[in-house]
Amino acid sequence: MNRTEKSELVERLHGELKDTKAVFVTDYMGLTVEEISQLRGNIKAAGGKYQVVKNTLLKRASEGTGATGLAPYLEGPTAVAMAFADPVALAKVLVDFAKKNEKLEIQGGVLGEQVLNLQDVRDLATMPSREVLLARLLGTLNAPATNLAGVCAAMVRQLLYALKAIEEKKNQA
């Protein structure tokens, strides 16, 4: 790779790192081409990208982005997984794949500007997805209105029962 290609790669990576919501650093050594292809497919389905990058180029590309905290994890063979959509979904993909394939080692990551260690990435993977959290929020916001409607309907129902009882009592008399 010549100097021009390297600078183009650094610029492209810099743009991608600015657009990502989270970046995870992995050690991919020992994985077969087929396993890496499967991992790439899973990551792409989760709205992310998986790329093998030289550490020096990644350090340069991360300057001025939230990913500058990745520097301690950039040793040895490195591949980065970038989340463009849901960081939780990408973390789940990585953690699940690492459980099945012990050769994939998750080094750490960055969520926004927060540096994550391995345990933080695992904790992130156990969180519910964005859709589930939004559904829970909507349910919580909707509950008071639903309860109010139920109380109002119960009051009307009780009034109707009372009127029906009065009518039946008058008819008997």
N, C-alpha and C. Protein backbone atom coordinates (compact mmCIF):
# COMPACT_ATOMS: atom_id res chain seq x y z
N MET A 1 0.85 -1.17 0.00
CA MET A 1 0.00 0.00 0.00
C MET A 1 0.90 1.24 0.00
N ASN A 2 0.71 2.09 -1.00
CA ASN A 2 1.55 3.28 -1.05
C ASN A 2 0.96 4.40 -0.18
N ARG A 3 1.70 5.50 -0.10
CA ARG A 3 1.34 6.60 0.80
C ARG A 3 -0.03 7.20 0.45
N THR A 4 -0.32 7.33 -0.83
CA THR A 4 -1.60 7.91 -1.25
C THR A 4 -2.76 7.02 -0.84
N GLU A 5 -2.61 5.72 -1.05
CA GLU A 5 -3.67 4.78 -0.67
C GLU A 5 -3.88 4.80 0.84
N LYS A 6 -2.78 4.90 1.58
CA LYS A 6 -2.90 4.95 3.05
C LYS A 6 -3.64 6.20 3.49
N SER A 7 -3.32 7.33 2.90
CA SER A 7 -3.99 8.57 3.30
C SER A 7 -5.48 8.53 2.93
N GLU A 8 -5.81 7.93 1.79
CA GLU A 8 -7.21 7.78 1.40
C GLU A 8 -7.95 6.87 2.38
N LEU A 9 -7.29 5.79 2.79
CA LEU A 9 -7.88 4.86 3.75
C LEU A 9 -8.10 5.55 5.10
N VAL A 10 -7.12 6.33 5.53
CA VAL A 10 -7.24 7.06 6.81
C VAL A 10 -8.40 8.05 6.74
N GLU A 11 -8.55 8.77 5.62
CA GLU A 11 -9.65 9.72 5.47
C GLU A 11 -11.00 9.01 5.48
N ARG A 12 -11.08 7.88 4.79
CA ARG A 12 -12.33 7.12 4.74
C ARG A 12 -12.68 6.59 6.13
N LEU A 13 -11.68 6.02 6.80
CA LEU A 13 -11.90 5.51 8.16
C LEU A 13 -12.30 6.63 9.12
N HIS A 14 -11.67 7.79 8.98
CA HIS A 14 -11.99 8.93 9.83
C HIS A 14 -13.47 9.31 9.67
N GLY A 15 -13.93 9.35 8.43
CA GLY A 15 -15.34 9.66 8.17
C GLY A 15 -16.27 8.60 8.76
N GLU A 16 -15.90 7.34 8.62
CA GLU A 16 -16.73 6.26 9.17
C GLU A 16 -16.75 6.31 10.69
N LEU A 17 -15.60 6.60 11.30
CA LEU A 17 -15.54 6.66 12.76
C LEU A 17 -16.36 7.83 13.30
N LYS A 18 -16.46 8.90 12.54
CA LYS A 18 -17.30 10.03 12.96
C LYS A 18 -18.78 9.66 12.91
N ASP A 19 -19.15 8.82 11.93
CA ASP A 19 -20.55 8.44 11.73
C ASP A 19 -21.00 7.28 12.62
N THR A 20 -20.07 6.56 13.22
CA THR A 20 -20.45 5.39 14.00
C THR A 20 -20.98 5.77 15.37
N LYS A 21 -21.83 4.90 15.89
CA LYS A 21 -22.34 5.08 17.25
C LYS A 21 -21.47 4.33 18.23
N ALA A 22 -20.81 3.28 17.75
CA ALA A 22 -19.92 2.49 18.61
C ALA A 22 -18.88 1.80 17.73
N VAL A 23 -17.72 1.57 18.32
CA VAL A 23 -16.64 0.86 17.64
C VAL A 23 -16.10 -0.18 18.61
N PHE A 24 -15.93 -1.42 18.14
CA PHE A 24 -15.40 -2.49 18.96
C PHE A 24 -14.14 -3.05 18.32
N VAL A 25 -13.11 -3.28 19.13
CA VAL A 25 -11.84 -3.80 18.64
C VAL A 25 -11.77 -5.28 18.97
N THR A 26 -11.40 -6.08 17.98
CA THR A 26 -11.30 -7.53 18.17
C THR A 26 -9.95 -8.05 17.68
N ASP A 27 -9.56 -9.19 18.23
CA ASP A 27 -8.41 -9.93 17.73
C ASP A 27 -8.98 -11.13 16.99
N TYR A 28 -8.74 -11.20 15.70
CA TYR A 28 -9.36 -12.20 14.84
C TYR A 28 -8.44 -13.39 14.54
N MET A 29 -7.23 -13.40 15.08
CA MET A 29 -6.26 -14.45 14.74
C MET A 29 -6.81 -15.84 15.05
N GLY A 30 -6.63 -16.74 14.11
CA GLY A 30 -7.08 -18.10 14.27
C GLY A 30 -8.41 -18.38 13.61
N LEU A 31 -9.12 -17.35 13.23
CA LEU A 31 -10.39 -17.55 12.53
C LEU A 31 -10.13 -17.88 11.06
N THR A 32 -10.93 -18.77 10.53
CA THR A 32 -10.80 -19.10 9.11
C THR A 32 -11.49 -18.04 8.28
N VAL A 33 -11.24 -18.05 7.00
CA VAL A 33 -11.87 -17.10 6.09
C VAL A 33 -13.39 -17.28 6.13
N GLU A 34 -13.83 -18.52 6.20
CA GLU A 34 -15.26 -18.80 6.26
C GLU A 34 -15.89 -18.21 7.53
N GLU A 35 -15.20 -18.36 8.66
CA GLU A 35 -15.72 -17.82 9.93
C GLU A 35 -15.76 -16.29 9.90
N ILE A 36 -14.73 -15.68 9.34
CA ILE A 36 -14.72 -14.21 9.24
C ILE A 36 -15.82 -13.74 8.31
N SER A 37 -16.06 -14.47 7.23
CA SER A 37 -17.14 -14.11 6.31
C SER A 37 -18.49 -14.22 7.00
N GLN A 38 -18.67 -15.25 7.80
CA GLN A 38 -19.91 -15.42 8.55
C GLN A 38 -20.09 -14.27 9.55
N LEU A 39 -19.01 -13.92 10.24
CA LEU A 39 -19.05 -12.82 11.20
C LEU A 39 -19.37 -11.51 10.49
N ARG A 40 -18.76 -11.27 9.36
CA ARG A 40 -19.04 -10.05 8.59
C ARG A 40 -20.50 -9.97 8.19
N GLY A 41 -21.05 -11.10 7.77
CA GLY A 41 -22.47 -11.14 7.38
C GLY A 41 -23.38 -10.84 8.56
N ASN A 42 -23.07 -11.42 9.72
CA ASN A 42 -23.87 -11.16 10.92
C ASN A 42 -23.79 -9.69 11.32
N ILE A 43 -22.59 -9.12 11.23
CA ILE A 43 -22.40 -7.72 11.60
C ILE A 43 -23.12 -6.81 10.61
N LYS A 44 -23.06 -7.15 9.34
CA LYS A 44 -23.75 -6.33 8.33
C LYS A 44 -25.26 -6.38 8.56
N ALA A 45 -25.78 -7.54 8.93
CA ALA A 45 -27.22 -7.67 9.22
C ALA A 45 -27.62 -6.83 10.43
N ALA A 46 -26.68 -6.60 11.35
CA ALA A 46 -26.95 -5.79 12.54
C ALA A 46 -26.71 -4.30 12.29
N GLY A 47 -26.42 -3.94 11.04
CA GLY A 47 -26.21 -2.52 10.71
C GLY A 47 -24.81 -2.04 10.98
N GLY A 48 -23.84 -2.94 10.83
CA GLY A 48 -22.46 -2.56 11.11
C GLY A 48 -21.51 -2.97 10.00
N LYS A 49 -20.24 -2.82 10.30
CA LYS A 49 -19.19 -3.14 9.33
C LYS A 49 -18.01 -3.72 10.10
N TYR A 50 -17.36 -4.72 9.53
CA TYR A 50 -16.21 -5.36 10.17
C TYR A 50 -15.05 -5.27 9.20
N GLN A 51 -13.92 -4.73 9.69
CA GLN A 51 -12.80 -4.48 8.80
C GLN A 51 -11.48 -4.69 9.54
N VAL A 52 -10.55 -5.34 8.87
CA VAL A 52 -9.20 -5.49 9.39
C VAL A 52 -8.42 -4.23 9.02
N VAL A 53 -7.78 -3.63 10.03
CA VAL A 53 -7.08 -2.36 9.81
C VAL A 53 -5.75 -2.39 10.54
N LYS A 54 -4.74 -1.77 9.93
CA LYS A 54 -3.46 -1.62 10.62
C LYS A 54 -3.64 -0.67 11.79
N ASN A 55 -2.99 -0.98 12.89
CA ASN A 55 -3.14 -0.19 14.11
C ASN A 55 -2.73 1.27 13.93
N THR A 56 -1.62 1.50 13.24
CA THR A 56 -1.16 2.89 13.06
C THR A 56 -2.15 3.70 12.23
N LEU A 57 -2.72 3.08 11.20
CA LEU A 57 -3.70 3.78 10.37
C LEU A 57 -4.98 4.06 11.16
N LEU A 58 -5.38 3.10 11.99
CA LEU A 58 -6.58 3.30 12.80
C LEU A 58 -6.37 4.39 13.85
N LYS A 59 -5.17 4.45 14.41
CA LYS A 59 -4.87 5.52 15.38
C LYS A 59 -4.96 6.89 14.72
N ARG A 60 -4.41 6.99 13.51
CA ARG A 60 -4.47 8.26 12.78
C ARG A 60 -5.91 8.62 12.42
N ALA A 61 -6.65 7.63 11.98
CA ALA A 61 -8.04 7.87 11.57
C ALA A 61 -8.92 8.25 12.75
N SER A 62 -8.60 7.76 13.94
CA SER A 62 -9.45 8.02 15.10
C SER A 62 -9.22 9.40 15.71
N GLU A 63 -8.17 10.08 15.32
CA GLU A 63 -7.90 11.41 15.87
C GLU A 63 -9.04 12.36 15.52
N GLY A 64 -9.54 13.06 16.52
CA GLY A 64 -10.63 14.00 16.31
C GLY A 64 -12.00 13.36 16.31
N THR A 65 -12.08 12.08 16.67
CA THR A 65 -13.37 11.39 16.77
C THR A 65 -13.51 10.84 18.18
N GLY A 66 -14.64 10.27 18.46
CA GLY A 66 -14.86 9.66 19.77
C GLY A 66 -14.07 8.39 19.96
N ALA A 67 -13.50 7.86 18.89
CA ALA A 67 -12.78 6.59 18.93
C ALA A 67 -11.33 6.73 19.36
N THR A 68 -10.91 7.91 19.79
CA THR A 68 -9.51 8.08 20.21
C THR A 68 -9.19 7.23 21.43
N GLY A 69 -10.20 6.86 22.21
CA GLY A 69 -9.99 6.02 23.39
C GLY A 69 -9.64 4.58 23.07
N LEU A 70 -9.63 4.21 21.80
CA LEU A 70 -9.30 2.84 21.40
C LEU A 70 -7.81 2.55 21.47
N ALA A 71 -6.98 3.56 21.57
CA ALA A 71 -5.52 3.41 21.48
C ALA A 71 -4.97 2.28 22.36
N PRO A 72 -5.40 2.12 23.62
CA PRO A 72 -4.84 1.04 24.44
C PRO A 72 -5.13 -0.37 23.91
N TYR A 73 -6.17 -0.50 23.11
CA TYR A 73 -6.56 -1.82 22.59
C TYR A 73 -5.93 -2.14 21.24
N LEU A 74 -5.19 -1.21 20.68
CA LEU A 74 -4.64 -1.40 19.34
C LEU A 74 -3.25 -2.01 19.41
N GLU A 75 -3.20 -3.27 19.73
CA GLU A 75 -1.95 -4.03 19.76
C GLU A 75 -2.19 -5.36 19.09
N GLY A 76 -1.24 -5.79 18.30
CA GLY A 76 -1.37 -7.06 17.61
C GLY A 76 -2.35 -6.97 16.46
N PRO A 77 -2.74 -8.13 15.90
CA PRO A 77 -3.68 -8.13 14.78
C PRO A 77 -5.03 -7.57 15.23
N THR A 78 -5.52 -6.59 14.52
CA THR A 78 -6.73 -5.89 14.94
C THR A 78 -7.75 -5.82 13.81
N ALA A 79 -9.00 -6.03 14.20
CA ALA A 79 -10.12 -5.79 13.31
C ALA A 79 -11.13 -4.98 14.10
N VAL A 80 -11.81 -4.05 13.43
CA VAL A 80 -12.78 -3.21 14.12
C VAL A 80 -14.18 -3.50 13.57
N ALA A 81 -15.12 -3.49 14.49
CA ALA A 81 -16.53 -3.60 14.15
C ALA A 81 -17.16 -2.25 14.45
N MET A 82 -17.76 -1.64 13.45
CA MET A 82 -18.35 -0.32 13.61
C MET A 82 -19.87 -0.43 13.52
N ALA A 83 -20.55 0.15 14.51
CA ALA A 83 -22.01 0.13 14.56
C ALA A 83 -22.56 1.43 13.99
N PHE A 84 -23.23 1.36 12.86
CA PHE A 84 -23.83 2.54 12.26
C PHE A 84 -25.29 2.67 12.66
N ALA A 85 -25.88 1.57 13.17
CA ALA A 85 -27.28 1.60 13.56
C ALA A 85 -27.39 1.42 15.08
N ASP A 86 -27.60 0.19 15.52
CA ASP A 86 -27.84 -0.10 16.93
C ASP A 86 -26.59 -0.73 17.55
N PRO A 87 -25.90 -0.02 18.46
CA PRO A 87 -24.70 -0.56 19.09
C PRO A 87 -24.96 -1.83 19.90
N VAL A 88 -26.15 -1.92 20.49
CA VAL A 88 -26.49 -3.10 21.30
C VAL A 88 -26.56 -4.34 20.40
N ALA A 89 -27.18 -4.20 19.25
CA ALA A 89 -27.29 -5.33 18.32
C ALA A 89 -25.91 -5.81 17.87
N LEU A 90 -25.02 -4.88 17.59
CA LEU A 90 -23.66 -5.26 17.17
C LEU A 90 -22.91 -5.92 18.31
N ALA A 91 -23.05 -5.40 19.52
CA ALA A 91 -22.40 -6.01 20.68
C ALA A 91 -22.91 -7.43 20.88
N LYS A 92 -24.21 -7.65 20.69
CA LYS A 92 -24.78 -8.99 20.83
C LYS A 92 -24.18 -9.95 19.79
N VAL A 93 -24.06 -9.46 18.56
CA VAL A 93 -23.48 -10.30 17.50
C VAL A 93 -22.06 -10.71 17.86
N LEU A 94 -21.25 -9.74 18.30
CA LEU A 94 -19.86 -10.03 18.64
C LEU A 94 -19.75 -10.99 19.82
N VAL A 95 -20.52 -10.73 20.88
CA VAL A 95 -20.44 -11.58 22.08
C VAL A 95 -20.93 -12.99 21.77
N ASP A 96 -22.03 -13.11 21.02
CA ASP A 96 -22.54 -14.43 20.65
C ASP A 96 -21.54 -15.19 19.79
N PHE A 97 -20.93 -14.50 18.83
CA PHE A 97 -19.95 -15.15 17.97
C PHE A 97 -18.71 -15.56 18.77
N ALA A 98 -18.30 -14.71 19.71
CA ALA A 98 -17.13 -15.03 20.53
C ALA A 98 -17.40 -16.23 21.44
N LYS A 99 -18.65 -16.41 21.87
CA LYS A 99 -19.00 -17.59 22.69
C LYS A 99 -18.87 -18.87 21.88
N LYS A 100 -19.28 -18.81 20.61
CA LYS A 100 -19.23 -19.98 19.75
C LYS A 100 -17.81 -20.23 19.22
N ASN A 101 -17.06 -19.14 19.00
CA ASN A 101 -15.70 -19.21 18.47
C ASN A 101 -14.74 -18.56 19.44
N GLU A 102 -14.06 -19.35 20.20
CA GLU A 102 -13.16 -18.81 21.22
C GLU A 102 -11.95 -18.09 20.61
N LYS A 103 -11.74 -18.26 19.32
CA LYS A 103 -10.60 -17.60 18.67
C LYS A 103 -10.83 -16.10 18.50
N LEU A 104 -12.09 -15.69 18.47
CA LEU A 104 -12.38 -14.26 18.38
C LEU A 104 -12.33 -13.68 19.78
N GLU A 105 -11.45 -12.71 19.96
CA GLU A 105 -11.31 -12.06 21.26
C GLU A 105 -11.74 -10.60 21.12
N ILE A 106 -12.69 -10.22 21.93
CA ILE A 106 -13.12 -8.82 21.96
C ILE A 106 -12.19 -8.09 22.92
N GLN A 107 -11.49 -7.09 22.42
CA GLN A 107 -10.53 -6.35 23.24
C GLN A 107 -11.22 -5.27 24.05
N GLY A 108 -12.07 -4.50 23.40
CA GLY A 108 -12.75 -3.38 24.04
C GLY A 108 -13.47 -2.59 22.98
N GLY A 109 -13.87 -1.38 23.34
CA GLY A 109 -14.58 -0.57 22.37
C GLY A 109 -14.84 0.83 22.88
N VAL A 110 -15.59 1.54 22.08
CA VAL A 110 -15.99 2.91 22.42
C VAL A 110 -17.46 3.05 22.02
N LEU A 111 -18.26 3.54 22.97
CA LEU A 111 -19.67 3.84 22.72
C LEU A 111 -19.83 5.34 22.87
N GLY A 112 -20.04 6.03 21.75
CA GLY A 112 -20.01 7.49 21.76
C GLY A 112 -18.57 7.91 22.02
N GLU A 113 -18.31 8.44 23.22
CA GLU A 113 -16.94 8.76 23.62
C GLU A 113 -16.54 7.98 24.87
N GLN A 114 -17.42 7.08 25.31
CA GLN A 114 -17.18 6.27 26.50
C GLN A 114 -16.37 5.02 26.12
N VAL A 115 -15.20 4.86 26.74
CA VAL A 115 -14.36 3.69 26.47
C VAL A 115 -14.93 2.50 27.22
N LEU A 116 -15.01 1.36 26.53
CA LEU A 116 -15.57 0.14 27.09
C LEU A 116 -14.51 -0.95 27.16
N ASN A 117 -14.44 -1.64 28.29
CA ASN A 117 -13.58 -2.82 28.37
C ASN A 117 -14.42 -4.04 27.98
N LEU A 118 -13.84 -5.23 28.07
CA LEU A 118 -14.53 -6.45 27.65
C LEU A 118 -15.82 -6.65 28.44
N GLN A 119 -15.79 -6.44 29.74
CA GLN A 119 -16.98 -6.64 30.56
C GLN A 119 -18.07 -5.63 30.20
N ASP A 120 -17.68 -4.41 29.90
CA ASP A 120 -18.65 -3.40 29.48
C ASP A 120 -19.33 -3.81 28.17
N VAL A 121 -18.57 -4.37 27.25
CA VAL A 121 -19.14 -4.83 25.98
C VAL A 121 -20.12 -5.97 26.24
N ARG A 122 -19.76 -6.89 27.13
CA ARG A 122 -20.68 -7.99 27.48
C ARG A 122 -21.95 -7.45 28.12
N ASP A 123 -21.80 -6.48 29.00
CA ASP A 123 -22.97 -5.88 29.65
C ASP A 123 -23.86 -5.18 28.62
N LEU A 124 -23.24 -4.50 27.67
CA LEU A 124 -23.99 -3.84 26.61
C LEU A 124 -24.79 -4.86 25.80
N ALA A 125 -24.19 -6.02 25.58
CA ALA A 125 -24.84 -7.07 24.79
C ALA A 125 -26.06 -7.65 25.50
N THR A 126 -26.11 -7.53 26.82
CA THR A 126 -27.26 -8.09 27.56
C THR A 126 -28.44 -7.11 27.62
N MET A 127 -28.22 -5.87 27.21
CA MET A 127 -29.31 -4.89 27.22
C MET A 127 -30.37 -5.26 26.19
N PRO A 128 -31.61 -4.89 26.46
CA PRO A 128 -32.65 -5.09 25.44
C PRO A 128 -32.37 -4.21 24.22
N SER A 129 -32.90 -4.60 23.10
CA SER A 129 -32.68 -3.82 21.88
C SER A 129 -33.42 -2.49 21.96
N ARG A 130 -33.11 -1.61 21.06
CA ARG A 130 -33.70 -0.27 21.03
C ARG A 130 -35.22 -0.37 20.89
N GLU A 131 -35.69 -1.28 20.03
CA GLU A 131 -37.12 -1.43 19.80
C GLU A 131 -37.84 -1.86 21.07
N VAL A 132 -37.23 -2.78 21.83
CA VAL A 132 -37.83 -3.25 23.08
C VAL A 132 -37.89 -2.11 24.09
N LEU A 133 -36.81 -1.34 24.20
CA LEU A 133 -36.80 -0.21 25.12
C LEU A 133 -37.85 0.84 24.74
N LEU A 134 -37.99 1.11 23.45
CA LEU A 134 -39.01 2.06 23.00
C LEU A 134 -40.42 1.54 23.29
N ALA A 135 -40.64 0.24 23.10
CA ALA A 135 -41.95 -0.35 23.40
C ALA A 135 -42.26 -0.24 24.88
N ARG A 136 -41.27 -0.48 25.73
CA ARG A 136 -41.48 -0.35 27.17
C ARG A 136 -41.80 1.10 27.54
N LEU A 137 -41.10 2.04 26.95
CA LEU A 137 -41.35 3.45 27.22
C LEU A 137 -42.76 3.83 26.78
N LEU A 138 -43.16 3.39 25.60
CA LEU A 138 -44.49 3.67 25.10
C LEU A 138 -45.55 3.07 26.01
N GLY A 139 -45.33 1.85 26.48
CA GLY A 139 -46.26 1.22 27.41
C GLY A 139 -46.39 1.99 28.71
N THR A 140 -45.25 2.49 29.20
CA THR A 140 -45.25 3.27 30.43
C THR A 140 -45.99 4.60 30.24
N LEU A 141 -45.77 5.23 29.11
CA LEU A 141 -46.44 6.50 28.82
C LEU A 141 -47.94 6.29 28.56
N ASN A 142 -48.30 5.16 28.01
CA ASN A 142 -49.68 4.87 27.64
C ASN A 142 -50.50 4.39 28.84
N ALA A 143 -49.86 3.87 29.87
CA ALA A 143 -50.57 3.28 31.01
C ALA A 143 -51.51 4.26 31.72
N PRO A 144 -51.11 5.48 32.04
CA PRO A 144 -52.05 6.38 32.73
C PRO A 144 -53.31 6.65 31.91
N ALA A 145 -53.19 6.85 30.61
CA ALA A 145 -54.36 7.11 29.77
C ALA A 145 -55.27 5.89 29.74
N THR A 146 -54.69 4.71 29.65
CA THR A 146 -55.47 3.48 29.64
C THR A 146 -56.20 3.30 30.97
N ASN A 147 -55.51 3.56 32.07
CA ASN A 147 -56.14 3.43 33.39
C ASN A 147 -57.27 4.44 33.55
N LEU A 148 -57.08 5.67 33.10
CA LEU A 148 -58.12 6.69 33.18
C LEU A 148 -59.35 6.27 32.39
N ALA A 149 -59.13 5.75 31.20
CA ALA A 149 -60.26 5.29 30.37
C ALA A 149 -60.99 4.15 31.07
N GLY A 150 -60.25 3.26 31.71
CA GLY A 150 -60.87 2.15 32.43
C GLY A 150 -61.70 2.64 33.60
N VAL A 151 -61.20 3.61 34.35
CA VAL A 151 -61.93 4.16 35.49
C VAL A 151 -63.21 4.86 35.02
N CYS A 152 -63.10 5.65 33.96
CA CYS A 152 -64.28 6.35 33.43
C CYS A 152 -65.33 5.35 32.94
N ALA A 153 -64.90 4.31 32.25
CA ALA A 153 -65.83 3.29 31.77
C ALA A 153 -66.47 2.56 32.94
N ALA A 154 -65.72 2.32 33.99
CA ALA A 154 -66.27 1.64 35.17
C ALA A 154 -67.32 2.51 35.84
N MET A 155 -67.10 3.82 35.90
CA MET A 155 -68.08 4.72 36.51
C MET A 155 -69.38 4.70 35.72
N VAL A 156 -69.31 4.76 34.42
CA VAL A 156 -70.50 4.71 33.57
C VAL A 156 -71.19 3.36 33.74
N ARG A 157 -70.42 2.30 33.77
CA ARG A 157 -70.98 0.96 33.94
C ARG A 157 -71.73 0.85 35.28
N GLN A 158 -71.13 1.37 36.34
CA GLN A 158 -71.77 1.33 37.65
C GLN A 158 -73.07 2.14 37.65
N LEU A 159 -73.06 3.29 36.98
CA LEU A 159 -74.26 4.10 36.87
C LEU A 159 -75.36 3.33 36.14
N LEU A 160 -74.99 2.65 35.06
CA LEU A 160 -75.97 1.87 34.30
C LEU A 160 -76.52 0.72 35.15
N TYR A 161 -75.67 0.04 35.93
CA TYR A 161 -76.12 -1.03 36.81
C TYR A 161 -77.12 -0.48 37.85
N ALA A 162 -76.82 0.70 38.40
CA ALA A 162 -77.71 1.31 39.40
C ALA A 162 -79.06 1.66 38.78
N LEU A 163 -79.03 2.24 37.57
CA LEU A 163 -80.29 2.59 36.89
C LEU A 163 -81.09 1.35 36.54
N LYS A 164 -80.40 0.30 36.14
CA LYS A 164 -81.07 -0.97 35.80
C LYS A 164 -81.72 -1.56 37.05
N ALA A 165 -81.00 -1.48 38.18
CA ALA A 165 -81.56 -2.01 39.43
C ALA A 165 -82.78 -1.21 39.85
N ILE A 166 -82.75 0.12 39.70
CA ILE A 166 -83.89 0.96 40.04
C ILE A 166 -85.08 0.62 39.15
N GLU A 167 -84.80 0.42 37.84
CA GLU A 167 -85.86 0.06 36.90
C GLU A 167 -86.50 -1.26 37.28
N GLU A 168 -85.69 -2.26 37.61
CA GLU A 168 -86.21 -3.57 37.98
C GLU A 168 -87.03 -3.49 39.26
N LYS A 169 -86.60 -2.68 40.20
CA LYS A 169 -87.30 -2.51 41.47
C LYS A 169 -88.68 -1.86 41.24
N LYS A 170 -88.74 -0.86 40.35
CA LYS A 170 -90.00 -0.19 40.03
C LYS A 170 -90.94 -1.14 39.30
N ASN A 171 -90.40 -1.99 38.42
CA ASN A 171 -91.22 -2.92 37.67
C ASN A 171 -91.81 -3.99 38.61
N GLN A 172 -91.13 -4.36 39.65
CA GLN A 172 -91.59 -5.36 40.61
C GLN A 172 -92.69 -4.76 41.49
N ALA A 173 -92.63 -3.49 41.73
CA ALA A 173 -93.59 -2.88 42.64
C ALA A 173 -94.92 -2.59 42.01
